[in-house]
Amino acid sequence: MDKTKIDWCDSSWNPVTGCLHGCEYCYARGIAERFRGKGDLREAGTGFWLDAETFEVSKGVYETKYPLTTGGKPEPFEPYNGKVTPYPFGFAPTFHRYKLEDYANKTGRNIFVCSMADLFGKWVPDSWIEAVFDACRKAPQHNYLFLTKNPERYIELKKSGKITRTDNFWFGSSVTNSNDRYAWFGDREGIHWFLSMEPILEDLWQLDTVMAKPDWIIVGAETGRRKNKVVPERVWIENLLEECRKYEIPIFMKSSLSEIWGEPLIQEFPDGLKGNK
């Protein structure tokens, strides 16, 4: 999509959707389930009816080469003009291979890759990640921002040579509480790394415990109407800001903190991302 409500990027791009982490605060699951495919699945253009199992590459994990439409089942061989569904299998991990060139010919921007998925989840095949990386390299005018709750996958991919020094790739770790694994364990030379503390669920200011200091920190509050929604305390943000100033790390406060912070938000970008926002 060319426009996004995510205020630290210009666009979001979802060649892969779906996730198996099961975070109770996840916004993406509700969206995917709301717009999941209903009725029969058919390939856009051909109208061929196909079973969901046709697209299954492993248990509960899917891949499709063409957009899929959903709707009622027409008579055999009749034209079918059903509506394309962005989430044919709901929030099940799905590789939409046809979306790889969505930004190939667009002007340069900061792109959040897979805002509706965790591209580096344990269930994601290396081949999917490599295909997304290849598509990014073919459109070098953009900055690509990745985010995961499984940063160990970054280390594995770097050791195998699949993550290399690339100035326009930014690898983020999602951190919500002190149990999240957010340090970059290993060689980070030439790799842009950031932390996304959203939703921040407790005081996470002790950056001196992080083995490698991040290039950037994003912080935001939980949104939505979840029953046990956590509202962060202002002191959590103050402590984090103090640490960022101590280590000269730019910090970006999301708009979800407006009421909590109570004054103009600090929305800083690292040098490599300033040009497009």
Protein backbone atom coordinates (compact mmCIF):
# COMPACT_ATOMS: atom_id res chain seq x y z
CA MET A 1 0.00 0.00 0.00
CA ASP A 2 1.30 3.49 -0.86
CA LYS A 3 -0.08 5.13 2.27
CA THR A 4 0.16 3.89 5.82
CA LYS A 5 -0.90 5.04 9.29
CA ILE A 6 2.42 3.80 10.69
CA ASP A 7 4.15 7.08 11.43
CA TRP A 8 7.78 5.94 11.27
CA CYS A 9 7.64 4.76 7.64
CA ASP A 10 6.26 5.98 4.33
CA SER A 11 4.72 2.72 3.09
CA SER A 12 4.08 -0.83 4.22
CA TRP A 13 4.54 -3.85 1.94
CA ASN A 14 3.27 -7.33 2.66
CA PRO A 15 4.57 -10.05 0.33
CA VAL A 16 4.21 -12.31 3.38
CA THR A 17 1.30 -12.14 5.83
CA GLY A 18 0.34 -14.08 8.92
CA CYS A 19 2.11 -15.08 12.12
CA LEU A 20 2.18 -17.87 14.73
CA HIS A 21 3.58 -15.99 17.75
CA GLY A 22 0.14 -15.56 19.33
CA CYS A 23 0.73 -12.16 20.97
CA GLU A 24 -2.43 -11.14 22.80
CA TYR A 25 -2.01 -7.47 21.86
CA CYS A 26 -1.56 -8.15 18.11
CA TYR A 27 -3.45 -5.72 15.87
CA ALA A 28 -2.67 -7.59 12.66
CA ARG A 29 -4.56 -10.78 13.53
CA GLY A 30 -7.87 -8.94 13.87
CA ILE A 31 -7.42 -7.22 10.50
CA ALA A 32 -6.49 -10.45 8.72
CA GLU A 33 -9.39 -12.39 10.19
CA ARG A 34 -11.80 -9.61 9.36
CA PHE A 35 -10.79 -9.68 5.70
CA ARG A 36 -10.01 -13.38 5.35
CA GLY A 37 -11.24 -15.29 2.33
CA LYS A 38 -14.81 -16.51 2.62
CA GLY A 39 -16.40 -18.98 0.26
CA ASP A 40 -14.52 -20.65 -2.57
CA LEU A 41 -10.97 -19.73 -3.53
CA ARG A 42 -10.27 -19.03 -7.19
CA GLU A 43 -7.26 -17.64 -9.01
CA ALA A 44 -7.85 -14.13 -10.29
CA GLY A 45 -7.89 -14.09 -14.06
CA THR A 46 -8.34 -17.81 -14.63
CA GLY A 47 -11.31 -18.36 -12.34
CA PHE A 48 -10.05 -21.85 -11.54
CA TRP A 49 -11.49 -23.21 -8.31
CA LEU A 50 -8.82 -24.64 -5.98
CA ASP A 51 -8.78 -26.30 -2.57
CA ALA A 52 -6.88 -24.51 0.18
CA GLU A 53 -4.62 -27.56 0.44
CA THR A 54 -3.35 -26.76 -3.06
CA PHE A 55 -1.45 -23.80 -1.60
CA GLU A 56 -0.19 -25.47 1.58
CA VAL A 57 3.61 -25.82 1.71
CA SER A 58 3.61 -27.18 5.26
CA LYS A 59 0.97 -27.60 7.93
CA GLY A 60 -0.93 -24.30 8.15
CA VAL A 61 1.59 -22.42 5.98
CA TYR A 62 0.65 -21.29 2.45
CA GLU A 63 2.05 -19.88 -0.76
CA THR A 64 0.25 -18.45 -3.78
CA LYS A 65 1.66 -17.23 -7.10
CA TYR A 66 -1.46 -15.31 -8.10
CA PRO A 67 -4.08 -13.17 -6.35
CA LEU A 68 -6.99 -15.20 -5.03
CA THR A 69 -10.64 -14.25 -5.17
CA THR A 70 -13.39 -15.48 -2.91
CA GLY A 71 -17.12 -15.77 -3.17
CA GLY A 72 -19.85 -18.15 -4.24
CA LYS A 73 -19.10 -21.07 -6.48
CA PRO A 74 -20.38 -20.50 -10.04
CA GLU A 75 -21.19 -23.14 -12.59
CA PRO A 76 -18.18 -24.93 -14.11
CA PHE A 77 -16.35 -23.02 -16.87
CA GLU A 78 -18.37 -19.84 -16.36
CA PRO A 79 -16.47 -16.53 -15.98
CA TYR A 80 -15.79 -15.63 -12.38
CA ASN A 81 -15.16 -12.09 -11.21
CA GLY A 82 -14.92 -12.52 -7.47
CA LYS A 83 -13.23 -9.96 -5.21
CA VAL A 84 -9.49 -10.38 -4.56
CA THR A 85 -8.87 -11.15 -0.90
CA PRO A 86 -5.66 -9.89 0.75
CA TYR A 87 -5.78 -12.65 3.40
CA PRO A 88 -7.17 -15.80 1.73
CA PHE A 89 -6.15 -17.96 4.71
CA GLY A 90 -6.76 -15.45 7.47
CA PHE A 91 -3.72 -14.97 9.71
CA ALA A 92 -2.06 -18.21 8.66
CA PRO A 93 1.46 -17.52 7.31
CA THR A 94 1.13 -16.91 3.57
CA PHE A 95 3.63 -15.95 0.87
CA HIS A 96 1.94 -13.81 -1.81
CA ARG A 97 4.63 -14.27 -4.47
CA TYR A 98 2.80 -12.01 -6.94
CA LYS A 99 3.42 -9.01 -4.65
CA LEU A 100 7.22 -9.12 -4.89
CA GLU A 101 7.43 -6.36 -7.52
CA ASP A 102 4.89 -3.99 -5.95
CA TYR A 103 7.52 -1.28 -5.35
CA ALA A 104 9.95 -2.04 -8.16
CA ASN A 105 9.18 1.14 -10.12
CA LYS A 106 8.06 3.51 -7.37
CA THR A 107 9.97 6.50 -6.05
CA GLY A 108 12.30 5.98 -3.10
CA ARG A 109 10.77 5.74 0.35
CA ASN A 110 11.09 4.09 3.77
CA ILE A 111 9.19 0.80 3.54
CA PHE A 112 8.11 -1.36 6.48
CA VAL A 113 8.38 -4.88 5.09
CA CYS A 114 5.73 -7.35 6.31
CA SER A 115 3.81 -5.19 8.76
CA MET A 116 1.19 -7.98 8.78
CA ALA A 117 3.63 -10.82 9.49
CA ASP A 118 6.88 -11.86 11.10
CA LEU A 119 9.08 -12.60 8.09
CA PHE A 120 11.69 -14.17 10.38
CA GLY A 121 9.43 -16.46 12.38
CA LYS A 122 10.67 -20.03 12.80
CA TRP A 123 7.94 -21.30 10.46
CA VAL A 124 9.08 -19.13 7.51
CA PRO A 125 11.21 -21.00 4.91
CA ASP A 126 14.58 -19.44 4.07
CA SER A 127 13.45 -19.39 0.43
CA TRP A 128 10.70 -16.87 1.25
CA ILE A 129 13.16 -14.56 2.98
CA GLU A 130 15.64 -14.84 0.14
CA ALA A 131 12.93 -14.02 -2.42
CA VAL A 132 11.94 -10.89 -0.47
CA PHE A 133 15.59 -9.83 -0.12
CA ASP A 134 16.11 -10.32 -3.87
CA ALA A 135 13.08 -8.13 -4.63
CA CYS A 136 14.48 -5.44 -2.31
CA ARG A 137 17.88 -5.52 -4.00
CA LYS A 138 16.21 -5.05 -7.39
CA ALA A 139 14.66 -1.79 -6.15
CA PRO A 140 17.60 -0.12 -4.34
CA GLN A 141 15.94 3.30 -4.33
CA HIS A 142 14.09 2.37 -1.13
CA ASN A 143 15.04 1.84 2.49
CA TYR A 144 13.65 -1.46 3.80
CA LEU A 145 12.77 -1.87 7.47
CA PHE A 146 12.27 -5.38 8.83
CA LEU A 147 10.94 -6.27 12.27
CA THR A 148 10.84 -9.55 14.19
CA LYS A 149 10.27 -11.10 17.59
CA ASN A 150 12.79 -13.77 16.63
CA PRO A 151 16.12 -11.87 16.25
CA GLU A 152 18.05 -15.13 16.49
CA ARG A 153 17.01 -15.69 12.87
CA TYR A 154 18.99 -12.59 11.89
CA ILE A 155 22.11 -14.14 13.38
CA GLU A 156 21.54 -17.44 11.60
CA LEU A 157 21.02 -15.68 8.26
CA LYS A 158 24.10 -13.52 8.73
CA LYS A 159 26.27 -16.53 9.57
CA SER A 160 25.05 -18.28 6.43
CA GLY A 161 25.79 -15.23 4.30
CA LYS A 162 22.15 -14.42 3.55
CA ILE A 163 22.31 -11.15 5.47
CA THR A 164 25.22 -9.03 4.31
CA ARG A 165 26.20 -5.40 4.65
CA THR A 166 23.45 -3.47 2.89
CA ASP A 167 23.05 0.24 3.60
CA ASN A 168 19.33 0.35 2.83
CA PHE A 169 18.32 -2.71 4.92
CA TRP A 170 17.33 -2.02 8.54
CA PHE A 171 16.79 -4.98 10.87
CA GLY A 172 14.56 -4.38 13.89
CA SER A 173 13.81 -6.37 17.02
CA SER A 174 10.37 -6.04 18.60
CA VAL A 175 10.61 -5.58 22.37
CA THR A 176 7.61 -5.25 24.66
CA ASN A 177 8.90 -6.53 28.02
CA SER A 178 12.07 -7.71 29.70
CA ASN A 179 11.49 -11.30 28.56
CA ASP A 180 11.90 -10.41 24.88
CA ARG A 181 15.24 -11.31 23.29
CA TYR A 182 16.33 -8.04 21.80
CA ALA A 183 20.14 -7.94 21.80
CA TRP A 184 22.03 -8.52 18.57
CA PHE A 185 24.12 -11.52 19.57
CA GLY A 186 27.12 -11.60 17.27
CA ASP A 187 28.92 -9.60 14.61
CA ARG A 188 26.93 -6.52 13.59
CA GLU A 189 29.52 -4.78 11.45
CA GLY A 190 27.84 -2.89 8.63
CA ILE A 191 24.32 -3.93 9.75
CA HIS A 192 21.68 -1.37 10.68
CA TRP A 193 19.81 -2.57 13.77
CA PHE A 194 16.96 -0.93 15.69
CA LEU A 195 14.53 -1.68 18.50
CA SER A 196 10.76 -1.24 18.30
CA MET A 197 9.38 -0.98 21.84
CA GLU A 198 5.75 -1.17 20.84
CA PRO A 199 3.60 -1.76 22.66
CA ILE A 200 5.81 -0.97 25.62
CA LEU A 201 4.42 -3.06 28.48
CA GLU A 202 6.89 -2.22 31.26
CA ASP A 203 9.89 -0.01 32.08
CA LEU A 204 12.57 -0.94 29.51
CA TRP A 205 15.22 1.70 30.09
CA GLN A 206 18.30 -0.40 30.92
CA LEU A 207 19.99 -0.17 27.55
CA ASP A 208 23.37 -0.89 29.13
CA THR A 209 22.23 -4.52 29.33
CA VAL A 210 22.00 -4.65 25.51
CA MET A 211 25.16 -6.22 24.11
CA ALA A 212 25.18 -4.02 21.01
CA LYS A 213 23.67 -0.56 21.06
CA PRO A 214 20.90 -0.09 18.45
CA ASP A 215 21.04 2.59 15.76
CA TRP A 216 17.48 3.72 16.52
CA ILE A 217 14.66 3.17 19.00
CA ILE A 218 10.93 3.40 18.31
CA VAL A 219 8.53 3.46 21.26
CA GLY A 220 4.74 3.37 21.31
CA ALA A 221 1.74 2.44 23.42
CA GLU A 222 -0.73 -0.37 22.88
CA THR A 223 -3.73 0.63 20.82
CA GLY A 224 -7.13 -0.99 20.47
CA ARG A 225 -9.66 -2.04 23.09
CA ARG A 226 -8.15 -5.21 24.53
CA LYS A 227 -9.57 -6.01 27.97
CA ASN A 228 -6.17 -6.09 29.69
CA LYS A 229 -4.65 -3.29 27.64
CA VAL A 230 -1.50 -1.84 29.22
CA VAL A 231 -1.25 1.95 29.46
CA PRO A 232 2.43 2.91 29.88
CA GLU A 233 3.56 5.34 32.55
CA ARG A 234 5.21 8.56 31.49
CA VAL A 235 8.24 7.73 33.64
CA TRP A 236 8.91 4.66 31.44
CA ILE A 237 9.30 6.96 28.44
CA GLU A 238 11.36 9.48 30.42
CA ASN A 239 13.77 6.76 31.51
CA LEU A 240 14.09 5.46 27.97
CA LEU A 241 14.71 8.97 26.63
CA GLU A 242 17.43 9.50 29.23
CA GLU A 243 19.18 6.31 28.10
CA CYS A 244 18.88 7.30 24.45
CA ARG A 245 20.49 10.66 25.20
CA LYS A 246 23.24 8.92 27.21
CA TYR A 247 24.17 6.69 24.26
CA GLU A 248 23.30 9.21 21.52
CA ILE A 249 20.59 7.01 20.05
CA PRO A 250 17.79 8.74 18.08
CA ILE A 251 14.33 8.02 19.48
CA PHE A 252 10.96 8.08 17.73
CA MET A 253 7.85 8.42 19.88
CA LYS A 254 4.76 7.15 18.10
CA SER A 255 1.56 9.16 18.06
CA SER A 256 0.00 6.60 20.42
CA LEU A 257 2.05 8.29 23.19
CA SER A 258 0.55 11.76 22.64
CA GLU A 259 -1.71 11.76 25.68
CA ILE A 260 0.84 10.04 27.90
CA TRP A 261 3.76 12.28 26.95
CA GLY A 262 1.65 15.45 27.12
CA GLU A 263 3.93 17.66 25.00
CA PRO A 264 5.29 17.65 21.44
CA LEU A 265 6.52 14.15 20.65
CA ILE A 266 10.20 13.55 19.93
CA GLN A 267 10.31 11.90 16.52
CA GLU A 268 13.91 11.48 15.45
CA PHE A 269 15.26 9.43 12.55
CA PRO A 270 18.76 8.00 12.15
CA ASP A 271 20.81 9.57 9.37
CA GLY A 272 20.20 6.77 6.87
CA LEU A 273 16.42 7.20 7.00
CA LYS A 274 16.05 10.97 7.13
CA GLY A 275 15.95 11.51 3.40
CA ASN A 276 12.58 9.88 2.72
CA LYS A 277 10.30 10.90 5.58
